Amino acid sequence: QVQLVESGGGLVQAGGSLRLSCAASGRTFSSDGIGWFRQAPGKEREFVAAIRWRGGSTVYADSVKGRSTISRDNAKNTVYLQMNSLKPEDTAVYYCAAGLRATTSREPADFGSWGQGTQVTVSS
């Protein structure tokens, strides 16, 4: 199976930037790709972005489109989420997950391996 570890979270002021990393190990490429999700206090987990290992196809949630860029480095088995122009509403725990339908599904249930999450806090 795939093991995932998120990093790069922290406290940032509104308008700032943050780069999250998702390091994969194990059967990394047994999945089609990686998705990023986030969960704020009192809210359900929501899709943020996803990318395929092969070909690099991407998809974004409307809430982050234009402000965020998902990318991957296959040689390093790592996926990144660059977030710019951060807003307080971006505050959440961010998770990465491996799935067989990484860019064709936005459902958490379609992603089988999850990281522990990294906290992103955006101050106003």
C-alpha atoms as a PDB file:
ATOM      1  CA  GLN A   1       0.000   0.000   0.000  1.00  0.00           C
ATOM      2  CA  VAL A   2       0.968   3.667  -0.202  1.00  0.00           C
ATOM      3  CA  GLN A   3       2.163   5.641   2.794  1.00  0.00           C
ATOM      4  CA  LEU A   4       1.749   9.407   2.718  1.00  0.00           C
ATOM      5  CA  VAL A   5       3.230  12.161   4.847  1.00  0.00           C
ATOM      6  CA  GLU A   6       2.161  15.796   4.575  1.00  0.00           C
ATOM      7  CA  SER A   7       4.343  18.734   5.526  1.00  0.00           C
ATOM      8  CA  GLY A   8       4.626  22.468   4.963  1.00  0.00           C
ATOM      9  CA  GLY A   9       1.681  23.693   6.971  1.00  0.00           C
ATOM     10  CA  GLY A  10       1.905  26.548   9.411  1.00  0.00           C
ATOM     11  CA  LEU A  11       0.699  29.996  10.346  1.00  0.00           C
ATOM     12  CA  VAL A  12       0.599  32.612   7.621  1.00  0.00           C
ATOM     13  CA  GLN A  13      -0.984  36.033   7.216  1.00  0.00           C
ATOM     14  CA  ALA A  14      -3.786  36.631   4.758  1.00  0.00           C
ATOM     15  CA  GLY A  15      -2.372  37.248   1.308  1.00  0.00           C
ATOM     16  CA  GLY A  16       0.649  35.105   1.990  1.00  0.00           C
ATOM     17  CA  SER A  17       1.756  31.854   0.417  1.00  0.00           C
ATOM     18  CA  LEU A  18       2.395  28.330   1.542  1.00  0.00           C
ATOM     19  CA  ARG A  19       3.739  25.230  -0.155  1.00  0.00           C
ATOM     20  CA  LEU A  20       2.464  21.905   1.077  1.00  0.00           C
ATOM     21  CA  SER A  21       4.252  18.657   0.325  1.00  0.00           C
ATOM     22  CA  CYS A  22       2.969  15.100   0.187  1.00  0.00           C
ATOM     23  CA  ALA A  23       5.707  12.497   0.275  1.00  0.00           C
ATOM     24  CA  ALA A  24       4.693   9.030  -0.866  1.00  0.00           C
ATOM     25  CA  SER A  25       6.368   5.718  -0.196  1.00  0.00           C
ATOM     26  CA  GLY A  26       5.590   2.058  -0.706  1.00  0.00           C
ATOM     27  CA  ARG A  27       3.501   1.203  -3.748  1.00  0.00           C
ATOM     28  CA  THR A  28       3.438   4.833  -4.830  1.00  0.00           C
ATOM     29  CA  PHE A  29       2.449   4.372  -8.443  1.00  0.00           C
ATOM     30  CA  SER A  30      -0.139   1.698  -7.803  1.00  0.00           C
ATOM     31  CA  SER A  31      -2.481   4.663  -7.496  1.00  0.00           C
ATOM     32  CA  ASP A  32      -3.335   6.893 -10.436  1.00  0.00           C
ATOM     33  CA  GLY A  33      -2.508  10.009  -8.500  1.00  0.00           C
ATOM     34  CA  ILE A  34      -2.837  12.178  -5.428  1.00  0.00           C
ATOM     35  CA  GLY A  35      -5.622  14.365  -4.186  1.00  0.00           C
ATOM     36  CA  TRP A  36      -5.537  17.170  -1.633  1.00  0.00           C
ATOM     37  CA  PHE A  37      -8.431  17.618   0.762  1.00  0.00           C
ATOM     38  CA  ARG A  38      -9.034  19.944   3.679  1.00  0.00           C
ATOM     39  CA  GLN A  39     -11.228  19.966   6.729  1.00  0.00           C
ATOM     40  CA  ALA A  40     -12.008  23.030   8.803  1.00  0.00           C
ATOM     41  CA  PRO A  41     -13.454  22.877  12.327  1.00  0.00           C
ATOM     42  CA  GLY A  42     -17.141  22.024  12.219  1.00  0.00           C
ATOM     43  CA  LYS A  43     -17.106  21.333   8.495  1.00  0.00           C
ATOM     44  CA  GLU A  44     -16.933  18.228   6.364  1.00  0.00           C
ATOM     45  CA  ARG A  45     -13.863  17.260   4.423  1.00  0.00           C
ATOM     46  CA  GLU A  46     -13.726  18.973   1.046  1.00  0.00           C
ATOM     47  CA  PHE A  47     -11.787  18.413  -2.126  1.00  0.00           C
ATOM     48  CA  VAL A  48      -9.052  20.901  -3.008  1.00  0.00           C
ATOM     49  CA  ALA A  49      -7.055  19.598  -5.964  1.00  0.00           C
ATOM     50  CA  ALA A  50      -5.729  16.419  -7.560  1.00  0.00           C
ATOM     51  CA  ILE A  51      -3.036  15.317  -9.968  1.00  0.00           C
ATOM     52  CA  ARG A  52      -2.153  12.143 -11.843  1.00  0.00           C
ATOM     53  CA  TRP A  53       1.305  10.648 -11.684  1.00  0.00           C
ATOM     54  CA  ARG A  54       1.245   9.772 -15.352  1.00  0.00           C
ATOM     55  CA  GLY A  55       0.595  12.704 -17.632  1.00  0.00           C
ATOM     56  CA  GLY A  56       0.159  15.197 -14.808  1.00  0.00           C
ATOM     57  CA  SER A  57      -3.515  15.974 -15.401  1.00  0.00           C
ATOM     58  CA  THR A  58      -4.877  18.320 -12.743  1.00  0.00           C
ATOM     59  CA  VAL A  59      -8.187  19.445 -11.349  1.00  0.00           C
ATOM     60  CA  TYR A  60      -9.045  22.157  -8.801  1.00  0.00           C
ATOM     61  CA  ALA A  61     -11.918  23.105  -6.586  1.00  0.00           C
ATOM     62  CA  ASP A  62     -13.483  26.449  -7.454  1.00  0.00           C
ATOM     63  CA  SER A  63     -12.515  27.797  -4.047  1.00  0.00           C
ATOM     64  CA  VAL A  64      -8.790  27.581  -4.818  1.00  0.00           C
ATOM     65  CA  LYS A  65      -8.748  27.810  -8.592  1.00  0.00           C
ATOM     66  CA  GLY A  66      -6.458  30.596  -9.762  1.00  0.00           C
ATOM     67  CA  ARG A  67      -4.692  30.805  -6.411  1.00  0.00           C
ATOM     68  CA  SER A  68      -3.279  27.312  -6.111  1.00  0.00           C
ATOM     69  CA  THR A  69      -1.110  25.025  -8.181  1.00  0.00           C
ATOM     70  CA  ILE A  70      -0.751  21.302  -7.700  1.00  0.00           C
ATOM     71  CA  SER A  71       2.342  19.637  -9.104  1.00  0.00           C
ATOM     72  CA  ARG A  72       4.314  16.461  -8.764  1.00  0.00           C
ATOM     73  CA  ASP A  73       7.880  15.230  -8.910  1.00  0.00           C
ATOM     74  CA  ASN A  74       7.705  11.575  -9.862  1.00  0.00           C
ATOM     75  CA  ALA A  75      11.407  11.052  -9.203  1.00  0.00           C
ATOM     76  CA  LYS A  76      10.869  12.149  -5.599  1.00  0.00           C
ATOM     77  CA  ASN A  77       7.465  10.484  -5.228  1.00  0.00           C
ATOM     78  CA  THR A  78       6.188  13.822  -4.020  1.00  0.00           C
ATOM     79  CA  VAL A  79       3.175  16.001  -4.761  1.00  0.00           C
ATOM     80  CA  TYR A  80       3.057  19.693  -3.939  1.00  0.00           C
ATOM     81  CA  LEU A  81       0.294  22.178  -3.388  1.00  0.00           C
ATOM     82  CA  GLN A  82       1.382  25.778  -3.826  1.00  0.00           C
ATOM     83  CA  MET A  83      -1.160  28.109  -2.273  1.00  0.00           C
ATOM     84  CA  ASN A  84      -1.024  31.852  -2.894  1.00  0.00           C
ATOM     85  CA  SER A  85      -3.214  34.758  -1.830  1.00  0.00           C
ATOM     86  CA  LEU A  86      -4.284  32.795   1.196  1.00  0.00           C
ATOM     87  CA  LYS A  87      -7.496  33.728   2.950  1.00  0.00           C
ATOM     88  CA  PRO A  88      -8.701  33.050   6.495  1.00  0.00           C
ATOM     89  CA  GLU A  89     -11.259  30.655   5.036  1.00  0.00           C
ATOM     90  CA  ASP A  90      -8.376  28.503   3.805  1.00  0.00           C
ATOM     91  CA  THR A  91      -7.668  27.620   7.418  1.00  0.00           C
ATOM     92  CA  ALA A  92      -7.998  23.858   7.806  1.00  0.00           C
ATOM     93  CA  VAL A  93      -6.152  20.617   8.213  1.00  0.00           C
ATOM     94  CA  TYR A  94      -4.901  19.612   4.787  1.00  0.00           C
ATOM     95  CA  TYR A  95      -4.669  15.956   3.829  1.00  0.00           C
ATOM     96  CA  CYS A  96      -3.249  14.212   0.812  1.00  0.00           C
ATOM     97  CA  ALA A  97      -4.606  10.899  -0.376  1.00  0.00           C
ATOM     98  CA  ALA A  98      -3.832   8.318  -3.043  1.00  0.00           C
ATOM     99  CA  GLY A  99      -6.536   7.109  -5.366  1.00  0.00           C
ATOM    100  CA  LEU A 100      -7.240   5.239  -8.579  1.00  0.00           C
ATOM    101  CA  ARG A 101      -9.504   8.027  -9.828  1.00  0.00           C
ATOM    102  CA  ALA A 102      -7.432  10.990  -8.705  1.00  0.00           C
ATOM    103  CA  THR A 103      -8.678  13.495 -11.293  1.00  0.00           C
ATOM    104  CA  THR A 104     -12.002  11.922 -12.194  1.00  0.00           C
ATOM    105  CA  SER A 105     -13.382  11.694  -8.662  1.00  0.00           C
ATOM    106  CA  ARG A 106     -13.613  14.285  -5.884  1.00  0.00           C
ATOM    107  CA  GLU A 107     -15.035  11.892  -3.351  1.00  0.00           C
ATOM    108  CA  PRO A 108     -12.914  11.091  -0.287  1.00  0.00           C
ATOM    109  CA  ALA A 109     -14.244   7.528  -0.355  1.00  0.00           C
ATOM    110  CA  ASP A 110     -12.509   6.949  -3.688  1.00  0.00           C
ATOM    111  CA  PHE A 111      -9.125   7.599  -2.103  1.00  0.00           C
ATOM    112  CA  GLY A 112      -7.777   4.673  -0.132  1.00  0.00           C
ATOM    113  CA  SER A 113      -4.547   5.858   1.481  1.00  0.00           C
ATOM    114  CA  TRP A 114      -4.414   9.009   3.574  1.00  0.00           C
ATOM    115  CA  GLY A 115      -1.760  11.030   5.313  1.00  0.00           C
ATOM    116  CA  GLN A 116      -2.061  12.381   8.839  1.00  0.00           C
ATOM    117  CA  GLY A 117      -2.638  15.943   7.720  1.00  0.00           C
ATOM    118  CA  THR A 118      -0.879  19.256   8.162  1.00  0.00           C
ATOM    119  CA  GLN A 119      -2.427  22.319   9.780  1.00  0.00           C
ATOM    120  CA  VAL A 120      -2.763  25.514   7.765  1.00  0.00           C
ATOM    121  CA  THR A 121      -3.810  28.615   9.675  1.00  0.00           C
ATOM    122  CA  VAL A 122      -4.361  31.921   7.906  1.00  0.00           C
ATOM    123  CA  SER A 123      -4.682  35.004  10.072  1.00  0.00           C
ATOM    124  CA  SER A 124      -6.608  38.089   9.017  1.00  0.00           C
END
